[in-house]
PDB file of N, CA and C in Angstrom:
ATOM      1  N   MET A   1      85.548  83.874 108.713  1.00  0.00           N
ATOM      2  CA  MET A   1      86.585  84.876 108.855  1.00  0.00           C
ATOM      3  C   MET A   1      87.948  84.191 108.717  1.00  0.00           C
ATOM      4  N   LYS A   2      88.832  84.787 107.930  1.00  0.00           N
ATOM      5  CA  LYS A   2      90.154  84.214 107.707  1.00  0.00           C
ATOM      6  C   LYS A   2      91.166  84.829 108.657  1.00  0.00           C
ATOM      7  N   HIS A   3      92.271  84.135 108.795  1.00  0.00           N
ATOM      8  CA  HIS A   3      93.412  84.669 109.532  1.00  0.00           C
ATOM      9  C   HIS A   3      94.686  84.284 108.778  1.00  0.00           C
ATOM     10  N   TYR A   4      95.741  85.039 109.036  1.00  0.00           N
ATOM     11  CA  TYR A   4      97.005  84.828 108.358  1.00  0.00           C
ATOM     12  C   TYR A   4      98.111  84.850 109.403  1.00  0.00           C
ATOM     13  N   VAL A   5      99.023  83.901 109.302  1.00  0.00           N
ATOM     14  CA  VAL A   5     100.131  83.807 110.244  1.00  0.00           C
ATOM     15  C   VAL A   5     101.428  83.752 109.438  1.00  0.00           C
ATOM     16  N   GLY A   6     102.379  84.576 109.804  1.00  0.00           N
ATOM     17  CA  GLY A   6     103.673  84.557 109.141  1.00  0.00           C
ATOM     18  C   GLY A   6     104.755  84.138 110.118  1.00  0.00           C
ATOM     19  N   ASN A   7     105.670  83.323 109.645  1.00  0.00           N
ATOM     20  CA  ASN A   7     106.815  82.908 110.449  1.00  0.00           C
ATOM     21  C   ASN A   7     108.055  83.110 109.601  1.00  0.00           C
ATOM     22  N   LEU A   8     108.932  83.964 110.059  1.00  0.00           N
ATOM     23  CA  LEU A   8     110.121  84.303 109.278  1.00  0.00           C
ATOM     24  C   LEU A   8     110.975  83.081 108.961  1.00  0.00           C
ATOM     25  N   ASP A   9     111.113  82.170 109.918  1.00  0.00           N
ATOM     26  CA  ASP A   9     111.965  80.987 109.710  1.00  0.00           C
ATOM     27  C   ASP A   9     111.425  80.035 108.648  1.00  0.00           C
ATOM     28  N   SER A  10     110.103  79.996 108.475  1.00  0.00           N
ATOM     29  CA  SER A  10     109.533  79.069 107.489  1.00  0.00           C
ATOM     30  C   SER A  10     108.960  79.774 106.258  1.00  0.00           C
ATOM     31  N   ALA A  11     109.151  81.084 106.162  1.00  0.00           N
ATOM     32  CA  ALA A  11     108.644  81.832 105.007  1.00  0.00           C
ATOM     33  C   ALA A  11     109.305  81.349 103.722  1.00  0.00           C
ATOM     34  N   GLN A  12     108.528  81.293 102.661  1.00  0.00           N
ATOM     35  CA  GLN A  12     109.039  80.859 101.361  1.00  0.00           C
ATOM     36  C   GLN A  12     109.340  82.100 100.522  1.00  0.00           C
ATOM     37  N   PHE A  13     110.583  82.547 100.614  1.00  0.00           N
ATOM     38  CA  PHE A  13     111.008  83.768  99.931  1.00  0.00           C
ATOM     39  C   PHE A  13     111.182  83.513  98.445  1.00  0.00           C
ATOM     40  N   GLN A  14     110.898  84.553  97.669  1.00  0.00           N
ATOM     41  CA  GLN A  14     111.126  84.512  96.228  1.00  0.00           C
ATOM     42  C   GLN A  14     111.780  85.829  95.806  1.00  0.00           C
ATOM     43  N   PRO A  15     112.515  85.810  94.701  1.00  0.00           N
ATOM     44  CA  PRO A  15     113.201  87.031  94.259  1.00  0.00           C
ATOM     45  C   PRO A  15     112.202  88.159  94.016  1.00  0.00           C
ATOM     46  N   PHE A  16     112.615  89.359  94.366  1.00  0.00           N
ATOM     47  CA  PHE A  16     111.802  90.549  94.127  1.00  0.00           C
ATOM     48  C   PHE A  16     112.467  91.342  93.020  1.00  0.00           C
ATOM     49  N   PRO A  17     111.868  91.390  91.826  1.00  0.00           N
ATOM     50  CA  PRO A  17     112.493  92.124  90.731  1.00  0.00           C
ATOM     51  C   PRO A  17     112.450  93.631  90.985  1.00  0.00           C
ATOM     52  N   HIS A  18     113.496  94.303  90.583  1.00  0.00           N
ATOM     53  CA  HIS A  18     113.583  95.749  90.754  1.00  0.00           C
ATOM     54  C   HIS A  18     112.468  96.414  89.944  1.00  0.00           C
ATOM     55  N   PRO A  19     111.682  97.319  90.564  1.00  0.00           N
ATOM     56  CA  PRO A  19     110.554  97.936  89.845  1.00  0.00           C
ATOM     57  C   PRO A  19     110.955  98.702  88.585  1.00  0.00           C
ATOM     58  N   ALA A  20     112.118  99.339  88.595  1.00  0.00           N
ATOM     59  CA  ALA A  20     112.549 100.118  87.431  1.00  0.00           C
ATOM     60  C   ALA A  20     113.198  99.254  86.351  1.00  0.00           C
ATOM     61  N   ASP A  21     113.767  98.114  86.741  1.00  0.00           N
ATOM     62  CA  ASP A  21     114.441  97.230  85.794  1.00  0.00           C
ATOM     63  C   ASP A  21     114.294  95.792  86.290  1.00  0.00           C
ATOM     64  N   PRO A  22     113.273  95.076  85.812  1.00  0.00           N
ATOM     65  CA  PRO A  22     113.003  93.716  86.303  1.00  0.00           C
ATOM     66  C   PRO A  22     114.149  92.718  86.115  1.00  0.00           C
ATOM     67  N   SER A  23     115.151  93.067  85.309  1.00  0.00           N
ATOM     68  CA  SER A  23     116.297  92.170  85.160  1.00  0.00           C
ATOM     69  C   SER A  23     117.232  92.261  86.369  1.00  0.00           C
ATOM     70  N   LEU A  24     117.038  93.277  87.211  1.00  0.00           N
ATOM     71  CA  LEU A  24     117.846  93.456  88.420  1.00  0.00           C
ATOM     72  C   LEU A  24     117.090  92.967  89.649  1.00  0.00           C
ATOM     73  N   SER A  25     117.830  92.578  90.658  1.00  0.00           N
ATOM     74  CA  SER A  25     117.246  92.109  91.908  1.00  0.00           C
ATOM     75  C   SER A  25     117.017  93.271  92.865  1.00  0.00           C
ATOM     76  N   ALA A  26     115.957  93.153  93.640  1.00  0.00           N
ATOM     77  CA  ALA A  26     115.690  94.105  94.727  1.00  0.00           C
ATOM     78  C   ALA A  26     115.359  93.297  95.979  1.00  0.00           C
ATOM     79  N   GLY A  27     116.259  92.394  96.333  1.00  0.00           N
ATOM     80  CA  GLY A  27     116.052  91.559  97.508  1.00  0.00           C
ATOM     81  C   GLY A  27     115.098  90.419  97.218  1.00  0.00           C
ATOM     82  N   GLU A  28     114.396  89.983  98.274  1.00  0.00           N
ATOM     83  CA  GLU A  28     113.421  88.901  98.128  1.00  0.00           C
ATOM     84  C   GLU A  28     112.299  89.112  99.134  1.00  0.00           C
ATOM     85  N   PHE A  29     111.132  88.513  98.839  1.00  0.00           N
ATOM     86  CA  PHE A  29     109.966  88.722  99.687  1.00  0.00           C
ATOM     87  C   PHE A  29     109.169  87.436  99.849  1.00  0.00           C
ATOM     88  N   ALA A  30     108.311  87.448 100.858  1.00  0.00           N
ATOM     89  CA  ALA A  30     107.381  86.342 101.091  1.00  0.00           C
ATOM     90  C   ALA A  30     106.077  86.951 101.602  1.00  0.00           C
ATOM     91  N   TRP A  31     104.990  86.672 100.898  1.00  0.00           N
ATOM     92  CA  TRP A  31     103.686  87.177 101.335  1.00  0.00           C
ATOM     93  C   TRP A  31     103.215  86.446 102.584  1.00  0.00           C
ATOM     94  N   ILE A  32     102.632  87.191 103.496  1.00  0.00           N
ATOM     95  CA  ILE A  32     101.886  86.622 104.615  1.00  0.00           C
ATOM     96  C   ILE A  32     100.402  86.674 104.246  1.00  0.00           C
ATOM     97  N   LYS A  33      99.968  87.837 103.772  1.00  0.00           N
ATOM     98  CA  LYS A  33      98.650  88.018 103.171  1.00  0.00           C
ATOM     99  C   LYS A  33      98.891  88.721 101.849  1.00  0.00           C
ATOM    100  N   GLU A  34      98.561  88.057 100.750  1.00  0.00           N
ATOM    101  CA  GLU A  34      98.913  88.555  99.429  1.00  0.00           C
ATOM    102  C   GLU A  34      98.476  89.992  99.210  1.00  0.00           C
ATOM    103  N   ASP A  35      99.420  90.769  98.700  1.00  0.00           N
ATOM    104  CA  ASP A  35      99.237  92.169  98.334  1.00  0.00           C
ATOM    105  C   ASP A  35      98.948  93.079  99.529  1.00  0.00           C
ATOM    106  N   ARG A  36      99.166  92.598 100.764  1.00  0.00           N
ATOM    107  CA  ARG A  36      98.883  93.415 101.948  1.00  0.00           C
ATOM    108  C   ARG A  36      99.971  93.348 103.021  1.00  0.00           C
ATOM    109  N   VAL A  37     100.469  92.146 103.312  1.00  0.00           N
ATOM    110  CA  VAL A  37     101.440  91.968 104.400  1.00  0.00           C
ATOM    111  C   VAL A  37     102.538  91.032 103.910  1.00  0.00           C
ATOM    112  N   SER A  38     103.804  91.460 104.097  1.00  0.00           N
ATOM    113  CA  SER A  38     104.900  90.617 103.616  1.00  0.00           C
ATOM    114  C   SER A  38     106.158  90.813 104.447  1.00  0.00           C
ATOM    115  N   PHE A  39     107.014  89.799 104.364  1.00  0.00           N
ATOM    116  CA  PHE A  39     108.395  89.927 104.804  1.00  0.00           C
ATOM    117  C   PHE A  39     109.194  90.346 103.577  1.00  0.00           C
ATOM    118  N   TRP A  40     110.218  91.150 103.768  1.00  0.00           N
ATOM    119  CA  TRP A  40     111.144  91.496 102.703  1.00  0.00           C
ATOM    120  C   TRP A  40     112.532  91.513 103.320  1.00  0.00           C
ATOM    121  N   ARG A  41     113.490  90.939 102.609  1.00  0.00           N
ATOM    122  CA  ARG A  41     114.861  90.920 103.125  1.00  0.00           C
ATOM    123  C   ARG A  41     115.847  91.110 101.989  1.00  0.00           C
ATOM    124  N   ALA A  42     117.031  91.577 102.386  1.00  0.00           N
ATOM    125  CA  ALA A  42     118.081  91.816 101.402  1.00  0.00           C
ATOM    126  C   ALA A  42     119.435  91.706 102.075  1.00  0.00           C
ATOM    127  N   ASN A  43     120.432  91.459 101.245  1.00  0.00           N
ATOM    128  CA  ASN A  43     121.825  91.465 101.699  1.00  0.00           C
ATOM    129  C   ASN A  43     122.679  92.022 100.572  1.00  0.00           C
ATOM    130  N   GLU A  44     123.978  92.094 100.814  1.00  0.00           N
ATOM    131  CA  GLU A  44     124.855  92.719  99.822  1.00  0.00           C
ATOM    132  C   GLU A  44     124.917  91.975  98.493  1.00  0.00           C
ATOM    133  N   SER A  45     124.505  90.718  98.448  1.00  0.00           N
ATOM    134  CA  SER A  45     124.563  89.978  97.181  1.00  0.00           C
ATOM    135  C   SER A  45     123.310  90.151  96.319  1.00  0.00           C
ATOM    136  N   ASN A  46     122.184  90.655  96.894  1.00  0.00           N
ATOM    137  CA  ASN A  46     120.974  90.758  96.083  1.00  0.00           C
ATOM    138  C   ASN A  46     120.333  92.150  96.093  1.00  0.00           C
ATOM    139  N   MET A  47     121.052  93.146  96.652  1.00  0.00           N
ATOM    140  CA  MET A  47     120.480  94.491  96.742  1.00  0.00           C
ATOM    141  C   MET A  47     121.605  95.501  96.869  1.00  0.00           C
ATOM    142  N   PRO A  48     121.544  96.620  96.131  1.00  0.00           N
ATOM    143  CA  PRO A  48     122.534  97.680  96.349  1.00  0.00           C
ATOM    144  C   PRO A  48     122.391  98.238  97.769  1.00  0.00           C
ATOM    145  N   GLN A  49     123.477  98.716  98.323  1.00  0.00           N
ATOM    146  CA  GLN A  49     123.412  99.268  99.680  1.00  0.00           C
ATOM    147  C   GLN A  49     122.584 100.547  99.720  1.00  0.00           C
ATOM    148  N   VAL A  50     122.595 101.323  98.632  1.00  0.00           N
ATOM    149  CA  VAL A  50     121.808 102.554  98.539  1.00  0.00           C
ATOM    150  C   VAL A  50     120.842 102.395  97.361  1.00  0.00           C
ATOM    151  N   ALA A  51     119.553 102.649  97.617  1.00  0.00           N
ATOM    152  CA  ALA A  51     118.557 102.451  96.566  1.00  0.00           C
ATOM    153  C   ALA A  51     117.387 103.418  96.734  1.00  0.00           C
ATOM    154  N   PRO A  52     116.843 103.903  95.613  1.00  0.00           N
ATOM    155  CA  PRO A  52     115.638 104.725  95.690  1.00  0.00           C
ATOM    156  C   PRO A  52     114.440 103.854  96.058  1.00  0.00           C
ATOM    157  N   TYR A  53     113.484 104.443  96.779  1.00  0.00           N
ATOM    158  CA  TYR A  53     112.275 103.710  97.146  1.00  0.00           C
ATOM    159  C   TYR A  53     111.100 104.676  97.161  1.00  0.00           C
ATOM    160  N   PRO A  54     110.253 104.634  96.121  1.00  0.00           N
ATOM    161  CA  PRO A  54     109.045 105.447  96.136  1.00  0.00           C
ATOM    162  C   PRO A  54     107.947 104.689  96.884  1.00  0.00           C
ATOM    163  N   PHE A  55     107.287 105.356  97.800  1.00  0.00           N
ATOM    164  CA  PHE A  55     106.177 104.725  98.513  1.00  0.00           C
ATOM    165  C   PHE A  55     104.944 104.813  97.626  1.00  0.00           C
ATOM    166  N   LEU A  56     104.617 103.705  96.960  1.00  0.00           N
ATOM    167  CA  LEU A  56     103.490 103.664  96.035  1.00  0.00           C
ATOM    168  C   LEU A  56     102.159 103.480  96.764  1.00  0.00           C
ATOM    169  N   ARG A  57     102.233 103.038  98.004  1.00  0.00           N
ATOM    170  CA  ARG A  57     101.059 102.873  98.867  1.00  0.00           C
ATOM    171  C   ARG A  57     101.459 103.299 100.273  1.00  0.00           C
ATOM    172  N   GLU A  58     100.467 103.587 101.103  1.00  0.00           N
ATOM    173  CA  GLU A  58     100.774 103.809 102.510  1.00  0.00           C
ATOM    174  C   GLU A  58     101.398 102.524 103.033  1.00  0.00           C
ATOM    175  N   GLU A  59     102.458 102.647 103.845  1.00  0.00           N
ATOM    176  CA  GLU A  59     103.180 101.462 104.297  1.00  0.00           C
ATOM    177  C   GLU A  59     103.622 101.612 105.747  1.00  0.00           C
ATOM    178  N   ILE A  60     103.406 100.561 106.506  1.00  0.00           N
ATOM    179  CA  ILE A  60     103.918 100.462 107.866  1.00  0.00           C
ATOM    180  C   ILE A  60     105.055  99.454 107.821  1.00  0.00           C
ATOM    181  N   ILE A  61     106.190  99.822 108.409  1.00  0.00           N
ATOM    182  CA  ILE A  61     107.390  98.991 108.380  1.00  0.00           C
ATOM    183  C   ILE A  61     107.806  98.658 109.806  1.00  0.00           C
ATOM    184  N   HIS A  62     108.104  97.386 110.037  1.00  0.00           N
ATOM    185  CA  HIS A  62     108.704  96.947 111.301  1.00  0.00           C
ATOM    186  C   HIS A  62     110.039  96.314 110.942  1.00  0.00           C
ATOM    187  N   VAL A  63     111.135  96.904 111.408  1.00  0.00           N
ATOM    188  CA  VAL A  63     112.470  96.380 111.106  1.00  0.00           C
ATOM    189  C   VAL A  63     112.740  95.186 112.006  1.00  0.00           C
ATOM    190  N   LEU A  64     112.982  94.038 111.385  1.00  0.00           N
ATOM    191  CA  LEU A  64     113.231  92.797 112.121  1.00  0.00           C
ATOM    192  C   LEU A  64     114.716  92.494 112.267  1.00  0.00           C
ATOM    193  N   GLU A  65     115.516  92.986 111.311  1.00  0.00           N
ATOM    194  CA  GLU A  65     116.959  92.714 111.321  1.00  0.00           C
ATOM    195  C   GLU A  65     117.669  93.839 110.574  1.00  0.00           C
ATOM    196  N   GLY A  66     118.824  94.229 111.060  1.00  0.00           N
ATOM    197  CA  GLY A  66     119.616  95.250 110.391  1.00  0.00           C
ATOM    198  C   GLY A  66     119.147  96.650 110.727  1.00  0.00           C
ATOM    199  N   ALA A  67     119.460  97.566 109.842  1.00  0.00           N
ATOM    200  CA  ALA A  67     119.101  98.968 110.030  1.00  0.00           C
ATOM    201  C   ALA A  67     119.012  99.635 108.665  1.00  0.00           C
ATOM    202  N   VAL A  68     118.353 100.803 108.646  1.00  0.00           N
ATOM    203  CA  VAL A  68     118.226 101.554 107.400  1.00  0.00           C
ATOM    204  C   VAL A  68     118.128 103.041 107.722  1.00  0.00           C
ATOM    205  N   GLN A  69     118.761 103.826 106.878  1.00  0.00           N
ATOM    206  CA  GLN A  69     118.606 105.284 106.895  1.00  0.00           C
ATOM    207  C   GLN A  69     117.688 105.608 105.719  1.00  0.00           C
ATOM    208  N   ILE A  70     116.565 106.237 105.993  1.00  0.00           N
ATOM    209  CA  ILE A  70     115.611 106.582 104.940  1.00  0.00           C
ATOM    210  C   ILE A  70     115.627 108.101 104.774  1.00  0.00           C
ATOM    211  N   GLU A  71     116.155 108.535 103.637  1.00  0.00           N
ATOM    212  CA  GLU A  71     116.187 109.958 103.338  1.00  0.00           C
ATOM    213  C   GLU A  71     114.951 110.302 102.512  1.00  0.00           C
ATOM    214  N   ILE A  72     114.071 111.100 103.098  1.00  0.00           N
ATOM    215  CA  ILE A  72     112.853 111.520 102.421  1.00  0.00           C
ATOM    216  C   ILE A  72     113.196 112.692 101.509  1.00  0.00           C
ATOM    217  N   GLU A  73     112.674 112.655 100.283  1.00  0.00           N
ATOM    218  CA  GLU A  73     112.899 113.752  99.353  1.00  0.00           C
ATOM    219  C   GLU A  73     112.477 115.057 100.022  1.00  0.00           C
ATOM    220  N   GLY A  74     113.364 116.002 100.056  1.00  0.00           N
ATOM    221  CA  GLY A  74     113.092 117.257 100.730  1.00  0.00           C
ATOM    222  C   GLY A  74     113.955 117.458 101.953  1.00  0.00           C
ATOM    223  N   GLY A  75     114.708 116.396 102.370  1.00  0.00           N
ATOM    224  CA  GLY A  75     115.712 116.611 103.386  1.00  0.00           C
ATOM    225  C   GLY A  75     115.667 115.820 104.658  1.00  0.00           C
ATOM    226  N   GLU A  76     114.515 115.385 105.135  1.00  0.00           N
ATOM    227  CA  GLU A  76     114.469 114.664 106.409  1.00  0.00           C
ATOM    228  C   GLU A  76     115.044 113.256 106.256  1.00  0.00           C
ATOM    229  N   THR A  77     115.824 112.817 107.247  1.00  0.00           N
ATOM    230  CA  THR A  77     116.359 111.459 107.265  1.00  0.00           C
ATOM    231  C   THR A  77     115.858 110.757 108.520  1.00  0.00           C
ATOM    232  N   ILE A  78     115.344 109.556 108.324  1.00  0.00           N
ATOM    233  CA  ILE A  78     114.808 108.749 109.416  1.00  0.00           C
ATOM    234  C   ILE A  78     115.703 107.538 109.581  1.00  0.00           C
ATOM    235  N   SER A  79     116.151 107.276 110.800  1.00  0.00           N
ATOM    236  CA  SER A  79     116.986 106.111 111.097  1.00  0.00           C
ATOM    237  C   SER A  79     116.138 105.066 111.788  1.00  0.00           C
ATOM    238  N   LEU A  80     116.120 103.864 111.212  1.00  0.00           N
ATOM    239  CA  LEU A  80     115.380 102.751 111.801  1.00  0.00           C
ATOM    240  C   LEU A  80     116.336 101.604 112.065  1.00  0.00           C
ATOM    241  N   LYS A  81     116.179 100.981 113.222  1.00  0.00           N
ATOM    242  CA  LYS A  81     116.998  99.821 113.584  1.00  0.00           C
ATOM    243  C   LYS A  81     116.067  98.699 114.023  1.00  0.00           C
ATOM    244  N   GLU A  82     116.634  97.558 114.283  1.00  0.00           N
ATOM    245  CA  GLU A  82     115.870  96.386 114.693  1.00  0.00           C
ATOM    246  C   GLU A  82     114.895  96.748 115.818  1.00  0.00           C
ATOM    247  N   GLY A  83     113.631  96.396 115.617  1.00  0.00           N
ATOM    248  CA  GLY A  83     112.594  96.668 116.606  1.00  0.00           C
ATOM    249  C   GLY A  83     111.793  97.920 116.340  1.00  0.00           C
ATOM    250  N   ASP A  84     112.301  98.832 115.493  1.00  0.00           N
ATOM    251  CA  ASP A  84     111.587 100.076 115.208  1.00  0.00           C
ATOM    252  C   ASP A  84     110.426  99.840 114.249  1.00  0.00           C
ATOM    253  N   VAL A  85     109.388 100.659 114.410  1.00  0.00           N
ATOM    254  CA  VAL A  85     108.213 100.645 113.543  1.00  0.00           C
ATOM    255  C   VAL A  85     108.006 102.066 113.036  1.00  0.00           C
ATOM    256  N   ALA A  86     107.676 102.194 111.744  1.00  0.00           N
ATOM    257  CA  ALA A  86     107.418 103.509 111.161  1.00  0.00           C
ATOM    258  C   ALA A  86     106.296 103.395 110.139  1.00  0.00           C
ATOM    259  N   SER A  87     105.614 104.502 109.915  1.00  0.00           N
ATOM    260  CA  SER A  87     104.528 104.569 108.938  1.00  0.00           C
ATOM    261  C   SER A  87     104.838 105.669 107.942  1.00  0.00           C
ATOM    262  N   PHE A  88     104.598 105.396 106.659  1.00  0.00           N
ATOM    263  CA  PHE A  88     104.900 106.345 105.594  1.00  0.00           C
ATOM    264  C   PHE A  88     103.675 106.510 104.702  1.00  0.00           C
ATOM    265  N   ASP A  89     103.413 107.746 104.310  1.00  0.00           N
ATOM    266  CA  ASP A  89     102.286 108.038 103.432  1.00  0.00           C
ATOM    267  C   ASP A  89     102.603 107.691 101.986  1.00  0.00           C
ATOM    268  N   LYS A  90     101.576 107.370 101.246  1.00  0.00           N
ATOM    269  CA  LYS A  90     101.680 107.134  99.812  1.00  0.00           C
ATOM    270  C   LYS A  90     102.206 108.397  99.137  1.00  0.00           C
ATOM    271  N   GLY A  91     103.068 108.213  98.148  1.00  0.00           N
ATOM    272  CA  GLY A  91     103.555 109.324  97.351  1.00  0.00           C
ATOM    273  C   GLY A  91     104.892 109.893  97.783  1.00  0.00           C
ATOM    274  N   LEU A  92     105.404 109.455  98.938  1.00  0.00           N
ATOM    275  CA  LEU A  92     106.723 109.930  99.362  1.00  0.00           C
ATOM    276  C   LEU A  92     107.800 109.278  98.509  1.00  0.00           C
ATOM    277  N   ASN A  93     108.779 110.057  98.113  1.00  0.00           N
ATOM    278  CA  ASN A  93     109.960 109.516  97.440  1.00  0.00           C
ATOM    279  C   ASN A  93     111.090 109.490  98.451  1.00  0.00           C
ATOM    280  N   SER A  94     111.850 108.412  98.451  1.00  0.00           N
ATOM    281  CA  SER A  94     112.911 108.270  99.436  1.00  0.00           C
ATOM    282  C   SER A  94     114.091 107.521  98.845  1.00  0.00           C
ATOM    283  N   THR A  95     115.200 107.599  99.560  1.00  0.00           N
ATOM    284  CA  THR A  95     116.400 106.820  99.236  1.00  0.00           C
ATOM    285  C   THR A  95     116.795 106.082 100.510  1.00  0.00           C
ATOM    286  N   TRP A  96     116.986 104.778 100.382  1.00  0.00           N
ATOM    287  CA  TRP A  96     117.314 103.927 101.534  1.00  0.00           C
ATOM    288  C   TRP A  96     118.788 103.551 101.490  1.00  0.00           C
ATOM    289  N   THR A  97     119.449 103.641 102.643  1.00  0.00           N
ATOM    290  CA  THR A  97     120.821 103.166 102.813  1.00  0.00           C
ATOM    291  C   THR A  97     120.788 102.080 103.880  1.00  0.00           C
ATOM    292  N   PHE A  98     121.114 100.863 103.474  1.00  0.00           N
ATOM    293  CA  PHE A  98     120.947  99.688 104.327  1.00  0.00           C
ATOM    294  C   PHE A  98     122.196  99.333 105.116  1.00  0.00           C
ATOM    295  N   THR A  99     121.995  98.762 106.285  1.00  0.00           N
ATOM    296  CA  THR A  99     122.996  97.988 107.012  1.00  0.00           C
ATOM    297  C   THR A  99     122.525  96.545 106.880  1.00  0.00           C
ATOM    298  N   PHE A 100     123.284  95.744 106.150  1.00  0.00           N
ATOM    299  CA  PHE A 100     122.899  94.363 105.849  1.00  0.00           C
ATOM    300  C   PHE A 100     123.397  93.391 106.902  1.00  0.00           C
ATOM    301  N   PRO A 101     122.764  92.237 107.028  1.00  0.00           N
ATOM    302  CA  PRO A 101     121.512  91.850 106.391  1.00  0.00           C
ATOM    303  C   PRO A 101     120.354  92.671 106.955  1.00  0.00           C
ATOM    304  N   PHE A 102     119.337  92.868 106.104  1.00  0.00           N
ATOM    305  CA  PHE A 102     118.185  93.682 106.478  1.00  0.00           C
ATOM    306  C   PHE A 102     116.915  92.886 106.221  1.00  0.00           C
ATOM    307  N   THR A 103     115.999  92.899 107.178  1.00  0.00           N
ATOM    308  CA  THR A 103     114.686  92.248 107.033  1.00  0.00           C
ATOM    309  C   THR A 103     113.633  93.149 107.630  1.00  0.00           C
ATOM    310  N   LYS A 104     112.516  93.273 106.923  1.00  0.00           N
ATOM    311  CA  LYS A 104     111.405  94.074 107.438  1.00  0.00           C
ATOM    312  C   LYS A 104     110.096  93.333 107.230  1.00  0.00           C
ATOM    313  N   LEU A 105     109.127  93.687 108.046  1.00  0.00           N
ATOM    314  CA  LEU A 105     107.744  93.288 107.874  1.00  0.00           C
ATOM    315  C   LEU A 105     107.038  94.525 107.336  1.00  0.00           C
ATOM    316  N   SER A 106     106.297  94.398 106.240  1.00  0.00           N
ATOM    317  CA  SER A 106     105.573  95.527 105.652  1.00  0.00           C
ATOM    318  C   SER A 106     104.094  95.253 105.664  1.00  0.00           C
ATOM    319  N   VAL A 107     103.335  96.258 106.047  1.00  0.00           N
ATOM    320  CA  VAL A 107     101.882  96.236 105.960  1.00  0.00           C
ATOM    321  C   VAL A 107     101.490  97.354 105.004  1.00  0.00           C
ATOM    322  N   LEU A 108     100.814  96.982 103.905  1.00  0.00           N
ATOM    323  CA  LEU A 108     100.466  97.928 102.864  1.00  0.00           C
ATOM    324  C   LEU A 108      98.979  98.252 102.923  1.00  0.00           C
ATOM    325  N   ALA A 109      98.659  99.531 102.820  1.00  0.00           N
ATOM    326  CA  ALA A 109      97.254  99.966 102.819  1.00  0.00           C
ATOM    327  C   ALA A 109      96.748 100.031 101.382  1.00  0.00           C
ATOM    328  N   ASP A 110      95.457 100.156 101.255  1.00  0.00           N
ATOM    329  CA  ASP A 110      94.851 100.298  99.913  1.00  0.00           C
ATOM    330  C   ASP A 110      95.317 101.558  99.238  1.00  0.00           C
TER     331      ASP A 110
END
C-alpha cells in the first residue's frame, strides 16, 4: 500500500499553462499524488485577478492562503478564505476573483 505526503514549503512547483491558451500562465502547481492531489498557487505576476474556471472533475478545495470569490454560473457566489474547505461537482462553470497571494490544496475525483 502506498502513501503520499505533501509539504508546501518543500513542494516543487512548476508553471501551470492556461487551459484555453497554453502560452499564458495560470499560476503554478505541485503534485502530491499525480492527477489526484495537488497544491496550486498564484499571485499577481502569474495569474489574472479574475479568471474563468470550469470544473472538469469533481474537486475538493482547501484554501491555504489568500481568499477567493467563486461566482457559479447562474448567480451564486461562494466566498472562501484561508482555512475554508469546499466541494464542487464536475461540470460547474465558474469565475474566480482572487485575493493574492493565493494557495489551495485540490483533491480531484475520477
